Amino acid sequence: MIMYSPLENIKIKFRIDIKNVLYVNSIMDSYEGVGIVRTLDSSKGQVAVYTSGSMCKQALDVLENLRKEGLSIKDLEVDRTSDVDYY
């Protein structure tokens, strides 16, 4: 895994079944400060979790645990970003 500076903005992009977006959002919200979930393209189930470099591993761990629960998470990509929507 690439190491990010703690203050960098990170976007974790992936695809899921659109019916699971609310569930992923609820789980991520329960880990206060780990990340913010945004739907990028609902017709394709493209979702992103915006997080910081210091919380990236925790956000990825949450997604991995959701996978282990049986949630289908596909095409996961992690990258630095300057577009962060905190609202």
N, C-alpha and C. Protein backbone atom coordinates (compact mmCIF):
# COMPACT_ATOMS: atom_id res chain seq x y z
N MET A 1 0.84 -1.18 0.00
CA MET A 1 0.00 0.00 0.00
C MET A 1 0.88 1.24 0.00
N ILE A 2 0.47 2.23 -0.75
CA ILE A 2 1.19 3.50 -0.81
C ILE A 2 0.96 4.25 0.49
N MET A 3 1.99 4.87 0.99
CA MET A 3 1.87 5.68 2.20
C MET A 3 1.56 7.11 1.79
N TYR A 4 0.59 7.71 2.46
CA TYR A 4 0.19 9.08 2.18
C TYR A 4 0.53 9.96 3.37
N SER A 5 0.80 11.21 3.08
CA SER A 5 1.01 12.19 4.15
C SER A 5 -0.29 12.30 4.94
N PRO A 6 -0.23 12.45 6.26
CA PRO A 6 -1.44 12.51 7.08
C PRO A 6 -2.41 13.61 6.66
N LEU A 7 -1.91 14.69 6.07
CA LEU A 7 -2.78 15.81 5.72
C LEU A 7 -3.28 15.78 4.28
N GLU A 8 -2.89 14.78 3.51
CA GLU A 8 -3.35 14.69 2.13
C GLU A 8 -4.82 14.29 2.08
N ASN A 9 -5.51 14.77 1.05
CA ASN A 9 -6.88 14.34 0.80
C ASN A 9 -6.83 13.12 -0.12
N ILE A 10 -7.56 12.09 0.26
CA ILE A 10 -7.54 10.82 -0.45
C ILE A 10 -8.96 10.48 -0.91
N LYS A 11 -9.07 9.97 -2.13
CA LYS A 11 -10.35 9.49 -2.65
C LYS A 11 -10.22 8.00 -2.91
N ILE A 12 -11.10 7.22 -2.25
CA ILE A 12 -11.18 5.78 -2.47
C ILE A 12 -12.43 5.56 -3.31
N LYS A 13 -12.22 5.21 -4.56
CA LYS A 13 -13.32 5.06 -5.51
C LYS A 13 -13.57 3.58 -5.76
N PHE A 14 -14.86 3.21 -5.86
CA PHE A 14 -15.20 1.81 -6.11
C PHE A 14 -16.63 1.72 -6.64
N ARG A 15 -17.00 0.50 -7.05
CA ARG A 15 -18.36 0.24 -7.52
C ARG A 15 -19.04 -0.75 -6.58
N ILE A 16 -20.31 -0.46 -6.29
CA ILE A 16 -21.14 -1.37 -5.50
C ILE A 16 -22.55 -1.36 -6.09
N ASP A 17 -23.35 -2.30 -5.66
CA ASP A 17 -24.75 -2.28 -6.04
C ASP A 17 -25.37 -1.04 -5.40
N ILE A 18 -26.09 -0.26 -6.18
CA ILE A 18 -26.61 1.02 -5.70
C ILE A 18 -27.50 0.85 -4.47
N LYS A 19 -28.13 -0.29 -4.32
CA LYS A 19 -28.98 -0.51 -3.13
C LYS A 19 -28.16 -0.58 -1.84
N ASN A 20 -26.84 -0.72 -1.95
CA ASN A 20 -25.98 -0.80 -0.77
C ASN A 20 -25.31 0.51 -0.39
N VAL A 21 -25.56 1.57 -1.14
CA VAL A 21 -24.89 2.85 -0.87
C VAL A 21 -25.26 3.38 0.52
N LEU A 22 -26.53 3.35 0.85
CA LEU A 22 -26.96 3.85 2.17
C LEU A 22 -26.32 3.03 3.29
N TYR A 23 -26.22 1.72 3.11
CA TYR A 23 -25.60 0.86 4.11
C TYR A 23 -24.13 1.23 4.30
N VAL A 24 -23.39 1.37 3.20
CA VAL A 24 -21.97 1.74 3.29
C VAL A 24 -21.84 3.11 3.95
N ASN A 25 -22.70 4.04 3.57
CA ASN A 25 -22.67 5.38 4.17
C ASN A 25 -22.92 5.31 5.68
N SER A 26 -23.89 4.52 6.09
CA SER A 26 -24.20 4.38 7.52
C SER A 26 -23.03 3.78 8.30
N ILE A 27 -22.43 2.75 7.73
CA ILE A 27 -21.28 2.12 8.40
C ILE A 27 -20.13 3.11 8.51
N MET A 28 -19.82 3.81 7.41
CA MET A 28 -18.71 4.76 7.42
C MET A 28 -18.98 5.89 8.41
N ASP A 29 -20.24 6.35 8.49
CA ASP A 29 -20.60 7.40 9.44
C ASP A 29 -20.41 6.95 10.88
N SER A 30 -20.61 5.66 11.13
CA SER A 30 -20.47 5.16 12.50
C SER A 30 -19.02 5.20 12.98
N TYR A 31 -18.08 5.25 12.04
CA TYR A 31 -16.66 5.42 12.37
C TYR A 31 -16.33 6.89 12.18
N GLU A 32 -16.77 7.71 13.10
CA GLU A 32 -16.67 9.16 12.98
C GLU A 32 -15.25 9.60 12.61
N GLY A 33 -15.17 10.41 11.55
CA GLY A 33 -13.89 10.96 11.13
C GLY A 33 -13.11 10.11 10.16
N VAL A 34 -13.59 8.91 9.85
CA VAL A 34 -12.85 8.03 8.95
C VAL A 34 -13.02 8.45 7.50
N GLY A 35 -14.23 8.81 7.10
CA GLY A 35 -14.43 9.20 5.71
C GLY A 35 -15.84 9.65 5.44
N ILE A 36 -16.00 10.30 4.31
CA ILE A 36 -17.29 10.80 3.84
C ILE A 36 -17.63 10.07 2.55
N VAL A 37 -18.81 9.48 2.49
CA VAL A 37 -19.23 8.72 1.31
C VAL A 37 -20.01 9.63 0.37
N ARG A 38 -19.69 9.56 -0.90
CA ARG A 38 -20.39 10.32 -1.94
C ARG A 38 -20.66 9.39 -3.12
N THR A 39 -21.87 9.51 -3.68
CA THR A 39 -22.20 8.77 -4.90
C THR A 39 -21.69 9.58 -6.09
N LEU A 40 -20.89 8.96 -6.93
CA LEU A 40 -20.34 9.64 -8.11
C LEU A 40 -21.24 9.44 -9.32
N ASP A 41 -21.74 8.22 -9.51
CA ASP A 41 -22.63 7.91 -10.64
C ASP A 41 -23.56 6.79 -10.19
N SER A 42 -24.79 7.15 -9.85
CA SER A 42 -25.71 6.15 -9.30
C SER A 42 -26.09 5.08 -10.32
N SER A 43 -26.13 5.43 -11.60
CA SER A 43 -26.50 4.44 -12.61
C SER A 43 -25.46 3.33 -12.74
N LYS A 44 -24.21 3.63 -12.37
CA LYS A 44 -23.13 2.64 -12.45
C LYS A 44 -22.71 2.13 -11.07
N GLY A 45 -23.31 2.68 -10.02
CA GLY A 45 -22.94 2.29 -8.66
C GLY A 45 -21.56 2.76 -8.27
N GLN A 46 -21.10 3.86 -8.87
CA GLN A 46 -19.77 4.39 -8.54
C GLN A 46 -19.88 5.29 -7.31
N VAL A 47 -19.05 4.96 -6.33
CA VAL A 47 -19.07 5.63 -5.04
C VAL A 47 -17.64 6.00 -4.68
N ALA A 48 -17.50 7.04 -3.86
CA ALA A 48 -16.18 7.41 -3.36
C ALA A 48 -16.26 7.67 -1.87
N VAL A 49 -15.19 7.31 -1.19
CA VAL A 49 -15.01 7.69 0.20
C VAL A 49 -13.87 8.69 0.21
N TYR A 50 -14.16 9.89 0.68
CA TYR A 50 -13.13 10.91 0.83
C TYR A 50 -12.60 10.81 2.25
N THR A 51 -11.29 10.75 2.37
CA THR A 51 -10.67 10.59 3.66
C THR A 51 -9.35 11.35 3.67
N SER A 52 -8.64 11.27 4.76
CA SER A 52 -7.31 11.89 4.85
C SER A 52 -6.25 10.81 4.81
N GLY A 53 -5.03 11.23 4.56
CA GLY A 53 -3.93 10.28 4.55
C GLY A 53 -3.79 9.55 5.88
N SER A 54 -4.12 10.24 6.97
CA SER A 54 -3.99 9.61 8.29
C SER A 54 -5.10 8.59 8.57
N MET A 55 -6.22 8.68 7.84
CA MET A 55 -7.34 7.76 8.07
C MET A 55 -7.55 6.78 6.93
N CYS A 56 -6.70 6.84 5.91
CA CYS A 56 -6.88 6.01 4.72
C CYS A 56 -6.89 4.52 5.06
N LYS A 57 -5.97 4.07 5.87
CA LYS A 57 -5.90 2.64 6.22
C LYS A 57 -7.17 2.22 6.94
N GLN A 58 -7.68 3.04 7.84
CA GLN A 58 -8.90 2.69 8.56
C GLN A 58 -10.09 2.61 7.60
N ALA A 59 -10.18 3.55 6.65
CA ALA A 59 -11.27 3.52 5.67
C ALA A 59 -11.19 2.25 4.82
N LEU A 60 -9.98 1.90 4.40
CA LEU A 60 -9.80 0.67 3.62
C LEU A 60 -10.13 -0.57 4.44
N ASP A 61 -9.80 -0.54 5.72
CA ASP A 61 -10.14 -1.67 6.61
C ASP A 61 -11.65 -1.84 6.73
N VAL A 62 -12.38 -0.72 6.84
CA VAL A 62 -13.84 -0.79 6.91
C VAL A 62 -14.39 -1.42 5.63
N LEU A 63 -13.89 -0.97 4.47
CA LEU A 63 -14.35 -1.53 3.20
C LEU A 63 -14.01 -3.01 3.08
N GLU A 64 -12.83 -3.39 3.55
CA GLU A 64 -12.44 -4.81 3.51
C GLU A 64 -13.35 -5.65 4.40
N ASN A 65 -13.71 -5.12 5.56
CA ASN A 65 -14.63 -5.85 6.44
C ASN A 65 -16.01 -5.98 5.80
N LEU A 66 -16.44 -4.96 5.07
CA LEU A 66 -17.72 -5.05 4.36
C LEU A 66 -17.65 -6.12 3.28
N ARG A 67 -16.50 -6.22 2.62
CA ARG A 67 -16.31 -7.30 1.63
C ARG A 67 -16.42 -8.66 2.29
N LYS A 68 -15.78 -8.80 3.44
CA LYS A 68 -15.83 -10.08 4.16
C LYS A 68 -17.25 -10.43 4.58
N GLU A 69 -18.08 -9.40 4.81
CA GLU A 69 -19.50 -9.61 5.13
C GLU A 69 -20.28 -10.09 3.92
N GLY A 70 -19.70 -9.94 2.73
CA GLY A 70 -20.37 -10.38 1.52
C GLY A 70 -20.76 -9.27 0.57
N LEU A 71 -20.45 -8.04 0.91
CA LEU A 71 -20.76 -6.91 0.03
C LEU A 71 -19.80 -6.93 -1.15
N SER A 72 -20.34 -6.81 -2.34
CA SER A 72 -19.52 -6.82 -3.55
C SER A 72 -18.96 -5.42 -3.79
N ILE A 73 -17.67 -5.26 -3.60
CA ILE A 73 -16.98 -3.99 -3.83
C ILE A 73 -15.99 -4.24 -4.96
N LYS A 74 -16.20 -3.54 -6.09
CA LYS A 74 -15.40 -3.79 -7.28
C LYS A 74 -14.62 -2.55 -7.69
N ASP A 75 -13.58 -2.77 -8.48
CA ASP A 75 -12.80 -1.69 -9.11
C ASP A 75 -12.33 -0.64 -8.10
N LEU A 76 -11.83 -1.08 -6.97
CA LEU A 76 -11.37 -0.15 -5.93
C LEU A 76 -10.09 0.54 -6.36
N GLU A 77 -10.09 1.86 -6.28
CA GLU A 77 -8.91 2.68 -6.62
C GLU A 77 -8.68 3.69 -5.50
N VAL A 78 -7.44 3.90 -5.15
CA VAL A 78 -7.08 4.87 -4.12
C VAL A 78 -6.14 5.88 -4.76
N ASP A 79 -6.46 7.17 -4.58
CA ASP A 79 -5.62 8.21 -5.17
C ASP A 79 -5.72 9.51 -4.37
N ARG A 80 -4.72 10.31 -4.51
CA ARG A 80 -4.76 11.65 -3.93
C ARG A 80 -5.79 12.48 -4.70
N THR A 81 -6.38 13.45 -4.02
CA THR A 81 -7.35 14.31 -4.69
C THR A 81 -7.33 15.70 -4.08
N SER A 82 -7.76 16.65 -4.87
CA SER A 82 -7.94 17.99 -4.33
C SER A 82 -9.42 18.33 -4.25
N ASP A 83 -10.29 17.47 -4.86
CA ASP A 83 -11.74 17.72 -4.80
C ASP A 83 -12.31 16.99 -3.61
N VAL A 84 -12.60 17.73 -2.59
CA VAL A 84 -13.20 17.13 -1.40
C VAL A 84 -14.50 17.86 -1.13
N ASP A 85 -15.55 17.10 -1.01
CA ASP A 85 -16.86 17.65 -0.74
C ASP A 85 -17.21 17.32 0.71
N TYR A 86 -17.09 18.29 1.58
CA TYR A 86 -17.37 18.06 2.98
C TYR A 86 -18.80 18.39 3.36
N TYR A 87 -19.61 18.78 2.42
CA TYR A 87 -20.98 19.21 2.74
C TYR A 87 -22.00 18.19 2.37
